[in-house]
Amino acid sequence: AAEPIAVRLAKADPAKGQANVKACAACHNFEKGAANKVGPVLWNVVDRAKGSIEGFNYSAALKERAAKGEKWTYENLDAFIENPKAYLAGTAMGFAGLGDPVKRAEIIAYLHSLSDNPVPLPK
């Protein structure tokens, strides 16, 4: 079993995470004010309400989570990146998932940095 995301984030290198998202850039933008692609923009995704990017047509599964008021926490970002279809049955995301817990933490550390006011890391 992987260490909790809080433990992995404390050791994670956001620069490695930035390198690890190169494949993600085919479907997602990461810059503030950028346009959506096949997937929604990921600037300021940590603690953002799910399904909340204007003009993006989310899957019914994600719209259902959004209607419940769910947000993208560190923990559920970790679970989603590990196995999107297991975390969110019905997701339109075609990515199969990333089993390496260290790389997931690096990616999430990078996503954490993509904000004018980053959400504090979990303790």
C-alpha atoms as a PDB file:
ATOM      1  CA  ALA A   1       0.000   0.000   0.000  1.00  0.00           C
ATOM      2  CA  ALA A   2       1.198   3.499  -0.784  1.00  0.00           C
ATOM      3  CA  GLU A   3       2.038   5.952   1.960  1.00  0.00           C
ATOM      4  CA  PRO A   4      -0.705   8.523   2.597  1.00  0.00           C
ATOM      5  CA  ILE A   5      -0.704  11.397   0.125  1.00  0.00           C
ATOM      6  CA  ALA A   6       0.291  13.863   2.883  1.00  0.00           C
ATOM      7  CA  VAL A   7       3.510  11.902   3.516  1.00  0.00           C
ATOM      8  CA  ARG A   8       4.292  11.604  -0.186  1.00  0.00           C
ATOM      9  CA  LEU A   9       3.585  15.297  -0.850  1.00  0.00           C
ATOM     10  CA  ALA A  10       5.995  16.333   1.913  1.00  0.00           C
ATOM     11  CA  LYS A  11       8.778  14.663  -0.109  1.00  0.00           C
ATOM     12  CA  ALA A  12       7.504  15.382  -3.629  1.00  0.00           C
ATOM     13  CA  ASP A  13       9.365  17.518  -6.155  1.00  0.00           C
ATOM     14  CA  PRO A  14       6.985  19.728  -8.163  1.00  0.00           C
ATOM     15  CA  ALA A  15       9.607  20.087 -10.937  1.00  0.00           C
ATOM     16  CA  LYS A  16       9.506  16.321 -11.455  1.00  0.00           C
ATOM     17  CA  GLY A  17       5.718  16.551 -11.467  1.00  0.00           C
ATOM     18  CA  GLN A  18       5.875  19.184 -14.191  1.00  0.00           C
ATOM     19  CA  ALA A  19       8.005  16.793 -16.265  1.00  0.00           C
ATOM     20  CA  ASN A  20       5.562  13.949 -15.523  1.00  0.00           C
ATOM     21  CA  VAL A  21       2.571  15.851 -16.962  1.00  0.00           C
ATOM     22  CA  LYS A  22       4.003  16.251 -20.452  1.00  0.00           C
ATOM     23  CA  ALA A  23       1.723  13.478 -21.732  1.00  0.00           C
ATOM     24  CA  CYS A  24      -1.246  15.127 -19.972  1.00  0.00           C
ATOM     25  CA  ALA A  25      -0.650  18.308 -21.981  1.00  0.00           C
ATOM     26  CA  ALA A  26      -2.086  16.570 -25.039  1.00  0.00           C
ATOM     27  CA  CYS A  27      -5.523  16.959 -23.408  1.00  0.00           C
ATOM     28  CA  HIS A  28      -5.090  19.572 -20.648  1.00  0.00           C
ATOM     29  CA  ASN A  29      -3.734  23.100 -20.360  1.00  0.00           C
ATOM     30  CA  PHE A  30      -2.010  24.095 -17.137  1.00  0.00           C
ATOM     31  CA  GLU A  31      -1.643  27.864 -17.527  1.00  0.00           C
ATOM     32  CA  LYS A  32      -3.823  30.503 -15.903  1.00  0.00           C
ATOM     33  CA  GLY A  33      -6.375  31.820 -18.386  1.00  0.00           C
ATOM     34  CA  ALA A  34      -5.674  29.060 -20.927  1.00  0.00           C
ATOM     35  CA  ALA A  35      -8.447  27.490 -22.949  1.00  0.00           C
ATOM     36  CA  ASN A  36      -9.866  24.050 -22.333  1.00  0.00           C
ATOM     37  CA  LYS A  37      -8.710  21.275 -24.613  1.00  0.00           C
ATOM     38  CA  VAL A  38     -10.211  17.774 -24.765  1.00  0.00           C
ATOM     39  CA  GLY A  39      -9.952  17.983 -20.956  1.00  0.00           C
ATOM     40  CA  PRO A  40     -10.516  20.995 -18.705  1.00  0.00           C
ATOM     41  CA  VAL A  41      -7.788  23.437 -17.781  1.00  0.00           C
ATOM     42  CA  LEU A  42      -5.941  22.310 -14.633  1.00  0.00           C
ATOM     43  CA  TRP A  43      -4.788  25.694 -13.313  1.00  0.00           C
ATOM     44  CA  ASN A  44      -6.030  26.015  -9.712  1.00  0.00           C
ATOM     45  CA  VAL A  45      -7.513  22.494  -9.680  1.00  0.00           C
ATOM     46  CA  VAL A  46      -6.627  21.659  -6.062  1.00  0.00           C
ATOM     47  CA  ASP A  47      -9.706  22.319  -3.892  1.00  0.00           C
ATOM     48  CA  ARG A  48     -11.692  23.438  -6.940  1.00  0.00           C
ATOM     49  CA  ALA A  49     -15.292  22.330  -7.158  1.00  0.00           C
ATOM     50  CA  LYS A  50     -15.579  19.363  -9.463  1.00  0.00           C
ATOM     51  CA  GLY A  51     -17.109  20.104 -12.842  1.00  0.00           C
ATOM     52  CA  SER A  52     -16.834  23.861 -12.397  1.00  0.00           C
ATOM     53  CA  ILE A  53     -14.876  25.111 -15.418  1.00  0.00           C
ATOM     54  CA  GLU A  54     -17.187  27.245 -17.539  1.00  0.00           C
ATOM     55  CA  GLY A  55     -17.688  26.046 -21.070  1.00  0.00           C
ATOM     56  CA  PHE A  56     -16.376  22.533 -20.515  1.00  0.00           C
ATOM     57  CA  ASN A  57     -18.761  19.647 -21.168  1.00  0.00           C
ATOM     58  CA  TYR A  58     -18.051  17.246 -18.294  1.00  0.00           C
ATOM     59  CA  SER A  59     -19.160  13.618 -18.247  1.00  0.00           C
ATOM     60  CA  ALA A  60     -22.462  12.807 -16.557  1.00  0.00           C
ATOM     61  CA  ALA A  61     -20.486  11.010 -13.821  1.00  0.00           C
ATOM     62  CA  LEU A  62     -18.488  14.131 -13.000  1.00  0.00           C
ATOM     63  CA  LYS A  63     -21.578  16.348 -13.214  1.00  0.00           C
ATOM     64  CA  GLU A  64     -23.184  14.060 -10.618  1.00  0.00           C
ATOM     65  CA  ARG A  65     -20.224  14.546  -8.254  1.00  0.00           C
ATOM     66  CA  ALA A  66     -20.305  18.279  -8.904  1.00  0.00           C
ATOM     67  CA  ALA A  67     -23.993  18.393  -7.990  1.00  0.00           C
ATOM     68  CA  LYS A  68     -23.045  16.923  -4.594  1.00  0.00           C
ATOM     69  CA  GLY A  69     -20.636  19.816  -4.024  1.00  0.00           C
ATOM     70  CA  GLU A  70     -17.480  17.698  -4.154  1.00  0.00           C
ATOM     71  CA  LYS A  71     -14.080  19.333  -4.571  1.00  0.00           C
ATOM     72  CA  TRP A  72     -10.767  18.064  -5.915  1.00  0.00           C
ATOM     73  CA  THR A  73      -8.876  17.305  -2.702  1.00  0.00           C
ATOM     74  CA  TYR A  74      -5.329  15.983  -2.562  1.00  0.00           C
ATOM     75  CA  GLU A  75      -6.680  12.551  -1.658  1.00  0.00           C
ATOM     76  CA  ASN A  76      -9.199  12.246  -4.448  1.00  0.00           C
ATOM     77  CA  LEU A  77      -6.799  13.703  -7.038  1.00  0.00           C
ATOM     78  CA  ASP A  78      -4.433  10.910  -6.005  1.00  0.00           C
ATOM     79  CA  ALA A  79      -7.161   8.283  -6.408  1.00  0.00           C
ATOM     80  CA  PHE A  80      -8.320   9.726  -9.738  1.00  0.00           C
ATOM     81  CA  ILE A  81      -4.823   9.883 -11.226  1.00  0.00           C
ATOM     82  CA  GLU A  82      -4.124   6.343 -10.022  1.00  0.00           C
ATOM     83  CA  ASN A  83      -7.157   4.891 -11.807  1.00  0.00           C
ATOM     84  CA  PRO A  84      -9.665   7.361 -13.267  1.00  0.00           C
ATOM     85  CA  LYS A  85     -12.257   4.763 -14.261  1.00  0.00           C
ATOM     86  CA  ALA A  86     -12.171   3.029 -10.868  1.00  0.00           C
ATOM     87  CA  TYR A  87     -12.452   6.352  -9.006  1.00  0.00           C
ATOM     88  CA  LEU A  88     -15.186   7.731 -11.265  1.00  0.00           C
ATOM     89  CA  ALA A  89     -17.102   5.121 -13.220  1.00  0.00           C
ATOM     90  CA  GLY A  90     -18.355   6.765 -16.386  1.00  0.00           C
ATOM     91  CA  THR A  91     -15.562   9.314 -16.668  1.00  0.00           C
ATOM     92  CA  ALA A  92     -14.769  10.449 -20.188  1.00  0.00           C
ATOM     93  CA  MET A  93     -11.061  10.627 -19.368  1.00  0.00           C
ATOM     94  CA  GLY A  94      -9.214   8.118 -21.535  1.00  0.00           C
ATOM     95  CA  PHE A  95      -6.056   7.975 -19.398  1.00  0.00           C
ATOM     96  CA  ALA A  96      -5.574   4.485 -17.931  1.00  0.00           C
ATOM     97  CA  GLY A  97      -3.972   5.709 -14.711  1.00  0.00           C
ATOM     98  CA  LEU A  98      -0.595   5.961 -13.024  1.00  0.00           C
ATOM     99  CA  GLY A  99       0.276   3.261 -10.531  1.00  0.00           C
ATOM    100  CA  ASP A 100       3.491   4.835  -9.226  1.00  0.00           C
ATOM    101  CA  PRO A 101       2.537   6.626  -5.969  1.00  0.00           C
ATOM    102  CA  VAL A 102       5.710   8.763  -5.982  1.00  0.00           C
ATOM    103  CA  LYS A 103       5.021  10.065  -9.493  1.00  0.00           C
ATOM    104  CA  ARG A 104       1.395  10.766  -8.565  1.00  0.00           C
ATOM    105  CA  ALA A 105       2.571  12.815  -5.579  1.00  0.00           C
ATOM    106  CA  GLU A 106       5.000  14.731  -7.795  1.00  0.00           C
ATOM    107  CA  ILE A 107       2.188  15.532 -10.230  1.00  0.00           C
ATOM    108  CA  ILE A 108      -0.097  16.639  -7.412  1.00  0.00           C
ATOM    109  CA  ALA A 109       2.715  18.782  -5.942  1.00  0.00           C
ATOM    110  CA  TYR A 110       3.010  20.422  -9.359  1.00  0.00           C
ATOM    111  CA  LEU A 111      -0.771  20.922  -9.568  1.00  0.00           C
ATOM    112  CA  HIS A 112      -0.608  22.451  -6.069  1.00  0.00           C
ATOM    113  CA  SER A 113       1.843  25.047  -7.405  1.00  0.00           C
ATOM    114  CA  LEU A 114      -0.558  26.103 -10.168  1.00  0.00           C
ATOM    115  CA  SER A 115      -2.441  28.707  -8.196  1.00  0.00           C
ATOM    116  CA  ASP A 116      -2.153  32.329  -7.147  1.00  0.00           C
ATOM    117  CA  ASN A 117      -3.100  31.172  -3.648  1.00  0.00           C
ATOM    118  CA  PRO A 118      -2.167  27.457  -3.233  1.00  0.00           C
ATOM    119  CA  VAL A 119      -4.217  25.393  -0.818  1.00  0.00           C
ATOM    120  CA  PRO A 120      -2.014  24.325   2.133  1.00  0.00           C
ATOM    121  CA  LEU A 121      -0.514  20.871   1.828  1.00  0.00           C
ATOM    122  CA  PRO A 122      -2.123  18.262   4.062  1.00  0.00           C
ATOM    123  CA  LYS A 123      -0.365  17.408   7.322  1.00  0.00           C
END
